[in-house]
Amino acid sequence: MKNKRADRILSLFLMFQIFLAGTAFASPIGKVQEEKRNSEQNLSEVRREIEDLENQKEKILSVGLLSACIGSALAMGRLNRQKYEKH
């Protein structure tokens, strides 16, 4: 009788140890997976921000080019006006 009871206690104890060992490994794995998800999310946000900045840069360059064209046209207009005013 005592042996069967001792065997049951030992088997329960072993199962409890296995459970604890499993949770000890599962916890760090879960943390690593969560950190990986967070890193991937941060990377996606950074990529979106880079894309937004590139779009803004293109708009700024377009406005700069347009401003340069308008400035050139105004300068040419002044030159032509001065040329015709002299004649």
N, C-alpha and C. Protein backbone atom coordinates (compact mmCIF):
# COMPACT_ATOMS: atom_id res chain seq x y z
N MET A 1 0.81 -1.19 0.00
CA MET A 1 0.00 0.00 0.00
C MET A 1 0.86 1.25 0.00
N LYS A 2 1.83 1.26 0.87
CA LYS A 2 2.65 2.44 0.96
C LYS A 2 3.40 2.70 -0.34
N ASN A 3 3.82 1.66 -1.00
CA ASN A 3 4.55 1.83 -2.25
C ASN A 3 3.67 2.45 -3.33
N LYS A 4 2.42 2.00 -3.41
CA LYS A 4 1.52 2.56 -4.42
C LYS A 4 1.27 4.03 -4.13
N ARG A 5 1.09 4.32 -2.87
CA ARG A 5 0.84 5.72 -2.50
C ARG A 5 2.08 6.57 -2.80
N ALA A 6 3.24 6.04 -2.46
CA ALA A 6 4.49 6.75 -2.73
C ALA A 6 4.68 6.94 -4.23
N ASP A 7 4.35 5.91 -5.02
CA ASP A 7 4.46 6.02 -6.47
C ASP A 7 3.54 7.11 -7.01
N ARG A 8 2.33 7.16 -6.48
CA ARG A 8 1.38 8.19 -6.93
C ARG A 8 1.89 9.59 -6.58
N ILE A 9 2.41 9.71 -5.38
CA ILE A 9 2.94 11.02 -4.96
C ILE A 9 4.13 11.41 -5.82
N LEU A 10 5.01 10.44 -6.06
CA LEU A 10 6.17 10.73 -6.92
C LEU A 10 5.74 11.10 -8.34
N SER A 11 4.76 10.38 -8.86
CA SER A 11 4.32 10.67 -10.22
C SER A 11 3.67 12.05 -10.28
N LEU A 12 2.88 12.41 -9.26
CA LEU A 12 2.30 13.76 -9.22
C LEU A 12 3.39 14.82 -9.09
N PHE A 13 4.38 14.52 -8.27
CA PHE A 13 5.49 15.45 -8.10
C PHE A 13 6.25 15.63 -9.41
N LEU A 14 6.50 14.54 -10.12
CA LEU A 14 7.19 14.62 -11.41
C LEU A 14 6.37 15.41 -12.43
N MET A 15 5.06 15.17 -12.45
CA MET A 15 4.21 15.92 -13.39
C MET A 15 4.25 17.41 -13.06
N PHE A 16 4.26 17.72 -11.76
CA PHE A 16 4.33 19.12 -11.34
C PHE A 16 5.66 19.74 -11.77
N GLN A 17 6.75 18.99 -11.63
CA GLN A 17 8.06 19.48 -12.06
C GLN A 17 8.09 19.71 -13.57
N ILE A 18 7.51 18.79 -14.31
CA ILE A 18 7.45 18.94 -15.77
C ILE A 18 6.64 20.19 -16.13
N PHE A 19 5.53 20.38 -15.42
CA PHE A 19 4.70 21.57 -15.66
C PHE A 19 5.50 22.85 -15.39
N LEU A 20 6.21 22.88 -14.26
CA LEU A 20 7.01 24.06 -13.93
C LEU A 20 8.11 24.29 -14.95
N ALA A 21 8.75 23.22 -15.38
CA ALA A 21 9.81 23.36 -16.38
C ALA A 21 9.22 23.90 -17.69
N GLY A 22 8.06 23.40 -18.06
CA GLY A 22 7.41 23.88 -19.29
C GLY A 22 7.05 25.35 -19.21
N THR A 23 6.53 25.78 -18.07
CA THR A 23 6.17 27.20 -17.94
C THR A 23 7.41 28.07 -17.87
N ALA A 24 8.49 27.54 -17.29
CA ALA A 24 9.73 28.31 -17.22
C ALA A 24 10.28 28.56 -18.62
N PHE A 25 10.15 27.59 -19.52
CA PHE A 25 10.61 27.78 -20.90
C PHE A 25 9.61 28.57 -21.72
N ALA A 26 8.35 28.38 -21.45
CA ALA A 26 7.32 29.05 -22.24
C ALA A 26 7.32 30.56 -22.00
N SER A 27 7.60 30.98 -20.79
CA SER A 27 7.57 32.40 -20.47
C SER A 27 8.61 33.19 -21.27
N PRO A 28 9.89 32.79 -21.29
CA PRO A 28 10.85 33.53 -22.11
C PRO A 28 10.53 33.46 -23.60
N ILE A 29 10.04 32.32 -24.05
CA ILE A 29 9.69 32.20 -25.47
C ILE A 29 8.57 33.17 -25.81
N GLY A 30 7.58 33.27 -24.93
CA GLY A 30 6.48 34.22 -25.14
C GLY A 30 6.97 35.65 -25.17
N LYS A 31 7.91 35.97 -24.28
CA LYS A 31 8.47 37.32 -24.26
C LYS A 31 9.23 37.62 -25.54
N VAL A 32 10.00 36.67 -26.01
CA VAL A 32 10.74 36.86 -27.26
C VAL A 32 9.79 37.05 -28.42
N GLN A 33 8.73 36.26 -28.47
CA GLN A 33 7.75 36.41 -29.54
C GLN A 33 7.06 37.77 -29.48
N GLU A 34 6.75 38.23 -28.27
CA GLU A 34 6.12 39.54 -28.12
C GLU A 34 7.07 40.66 -28.56
N GLU A 35 8.35 40.54 -28.17
CA GLU A 35 9.34 41.53 -28.60
C GLU A 35 9.50 41.52 -30.11
N LYS A 36 9.45 40.34 -30.71
CA LYS A 36 9.55 40.24 -32.17
C LYS A 36 8.36 40.94 -32.82
N ARG A 37 7.16 40.72 -32.31
CA ARG A 37 5.97 41.39 -32.85
C ARG A 37 6.09 42.90 -32.72
N ASN A 38 6.56 43.35 -31.54
CA ASN A 38 6.73 44.79 -31.33
C ASN A 38 7.77 45.36 -32.28
N SER A 39 8.86 44.63 -32.48
CA SER A 39 9.90 45.09 -33.40
C SER A 39 9.37 45.18 -34.83
N GLU A 40 8.61 44.17 -35.24
CA GLU A 40 8.03 44.19 -36.58
C GLU A 40 7.06 45.35 -36.74
N GLN A 41 6.28 45.63 -35.70
CA GLN A 41 5.34 46.75 -35.75
C GLN A 41 6.10 48.07 -35.82
N ASN A 42 7.17 48.20 -35.02
CA ASN A 42 7.98 49.41 -35.07
C ASN A 42 8.63 49.59 -36.43
N LEU A 43 9.09 48.49 -37.01
CA LEU A 43 9.70 48.56 -38.33
C LEU A 43 8.69 49.02 -39.37
N SER A 44 7.47 48.52 -39.28
CA SER A 44 6.42 48.95 -40.21
C SER A 44 6.14 50.44 -40.06
N GLU A 45 6.09 50.92 -38.82
CA GLU A 45 5.85 52.34 -38.59
C GLU A 45 6.99 53.18 -39.15
N VAL A 46 8.23 52.73 -38.96
CA VAL A 46 9.38 53.47 -39.48
C VAL A 46 9.34 53.49 -41.01
N ARG A 47 8.98 52.37 -41.62
CA ARG A 47 8.88 52.33 -43.09
C ARG A 47 7.81 53.29 -43.58
N ARG A 48 6.66 53.37 -42.88
CA ARG A 48 5.61 54.32 -43.27
C ARG A 48 6.09 55.75 -43.13
N GLU A 49 6.82 56.04 -42.06
CA GLU A 49 7.35 57.39 -41.87
C GLU A 49 8.35 57.74 -42.95
N ILE A 50 9.20 56.79 -43.33
CA ILE A 50 10.16 57.03 -44.41
C ILE A 50 9.43 57.30 -45.71
N GLU A 51 8.41 56.52 -45.99
CA GLU A 51 7.62 56.72 -47.21
C GLU A 51 6.96 58.10 -47.20
N ASP A 52 6.41 58.51 -46.05
CA ASP A 52 5.80 59.84 -45.94
C ASP A 52 6.84 60.94 -46.18
N LEU A 53 8.03 60.76 -45.61
CA LEU A 53 9.09 61.76 -45.80
C LEU A 53 9.53 61.83 -47.26
N GLU A 54 9.61 60.68 -47.92
CA GLU A 54 9.97 60.68 -49.34
C GLU A 54 8.90 61.38 -50.17
N ASN A 55 7.63 61.17 -49.83
CA ASN A 55 6.55 61.87 -50.54
C ASN A 55 6.64 63.37 -50.30
N GLN A 56 6.92 63.77 -49.07
CA GLN A 56 7.07 65.19 -48.77
C GLN A 56 8.25 65.78 -49.53
N LYS A 57 9.34 65.02 -49.60
CA LYS A 57 10.53 65.49 -50.33
C LYS A 57 10.19 65.72 -51.79
N GLU A 58 9.44 64.79 -52.39
CA GLU A 58 9.05 64.94 -53.79
C GLU A 58 8.18 66.18 -53.98
N LYS A 59 7.27 66.43 -53.05
CA LYS A 59 6.42 67.62 -53.14
C LYS A 59 7.25 68.88 -53.01
N ILE A 60 8.20 68.88 -52.07
CA ILE A 60 9.06 70.05 -51.88
C ILE A 60 9.90 70.30 -53.13
N LEU A 61 10.44 69.23 -53.71
CA LEU A 61 11.23 69.39 -54.94
C LEU A 61 10.36 69.91 -56.07
N SER A 62 9.13 69.43 -56.16
CA SER A 62 8.21 69.90 -57.21
C SER A 62 7.90 71.37 -57.02
N VAL A 63 7.65 71.77 -55.78
CA VAL A 63 7.36 73.18 -55.50
C VAL A 63 8.60 74.03 -55.78
N GLY A 64 9.77 73.51 -55.42
CA GLY A 64 11.02 74.23 -55.70
C GLY A 64 11.24 74.41 -57.18
N LEU A 65 10.99 73.37 -57.94
CA LEU A 65 11.15 73.44 -59.40
C LEU A 65 10.14 74.42 -59.99
N LEU A 66 8.92 74.36 -59.52
CA LEU A 66 7.88 75.28 -59.99
C LEU A 66 8.25 76.71 -59.65
N SER A 67 8.77 76.93 -58.44
CA SER A 67 9.20 78.28 -58.04
C SER A 67 10.34 78.77 -58.92
N ALA A 68 11.27 77.88 -59.23
CA ALA A 68 12.38 78.26 -60.11
C ALA A 68 11.88 78.63 -61.49
N CYS A 69 10.92 77.87 -62.00
CA CYS A 69 10.35 78.17 -63.33
C CYS A 69 9.63 79.51 -63.31
N ILE A 70 8.86 79.76 -62.27
CA ILE A 70 8.14 81.04 -62.16
C ILE A 70 9.14 82.18 -62.04
N GLY A 71 10.18 81.98 -61.23
CA GLY A 71 11.22 83.00 -61.09
C GLY A 71 11.90 83.29 -62.40
N SER A 72 12.21 82.24 -63.16
CA SER A 72 12.83 82.42 -64.47
C SER A 72 11.91 83.16 -65.42
N ALA A 73 10.63 82.79 -65.40
CA ALA A 73 9.66 83.45 -66.29
C ALA A 73 9.53 84.92 -65.93
N LEU A 74 9.50 85.24 -64.65
CA LEU A 74 9.42 86.64 -64.23
C LEU A 74 10.67 87.41 -64.64
N ALA A 75 11.83 86.78 -64.47
CA ALA A 75 13.08 87.43 -64.86
C ALA A 75 13.11 87.66 -66.36
N MET A 76 12.68 86.68 -67.14
CA MET A 76 12.64 86.84 -68.61
C MET A 76 11.66 87.94 -68.99
N GLY A 77 10.54 87.99 -68.30
CA GLY A 77 9.56 89.05 -68.56
C GLY A 77 10.14 90.43 -68.29
N ARG A 78 10.87 90.57 -67.20
CA ARG A 78 11.51 91.85 -66.88
C ARG A 78 12.53 92.22 -67.94
N LEU A 79 13.34 91.22 -68.33
CA LEU A 79 14.35 91.50 -69.36
C LEU A 79 13.70 91.94 -70.66
N ASN A 80 12.65 91.24 -71.05
CA ASN A 80 11.96 91.60 -72.30
C ASN A 80 11.34 92.98 -72.19
N ARG A 81 10.75 93.29 -71.06
CA ARG A 81 10.13 94.60 -70.87
C ARG A 81 11.18 95.70 -70.93
N GLN A 82 12.34 95.45 -70.26
CA GLN A 82 13.41 96.44 -70.30
C GLN A 82 13.94 96.60 -71.72
N LYS A 83 14.01 95.50 -72.44
CA LYS A 83 14.52 95.53 -73.82
C LYS A 83 13.59 96.37 -74.69
N TYR A 84 12.27 96.16 -74.55
CA TYR A 84 11.31 96.91 -75.37
C TYR A 84 11.18 98.35 -74.91
N GLU A 85 11.42 98.62 -73.62
CA GLU A 85 11.33 100.00 -73.14
C GLU A 85 12.49 100.83 -73.67
N LYS A 86 13.64 100.21 -73.91
CA LYS A 86 14.81 100.92 -74.44
C LYS A 86 14.59 101.31 -75.89
N HIS A 87 13.84 100.51 -76.63
CA HIS A 87 13.65 100.78 -78.06
C HIS A 87 12.57 101.72 -78.28
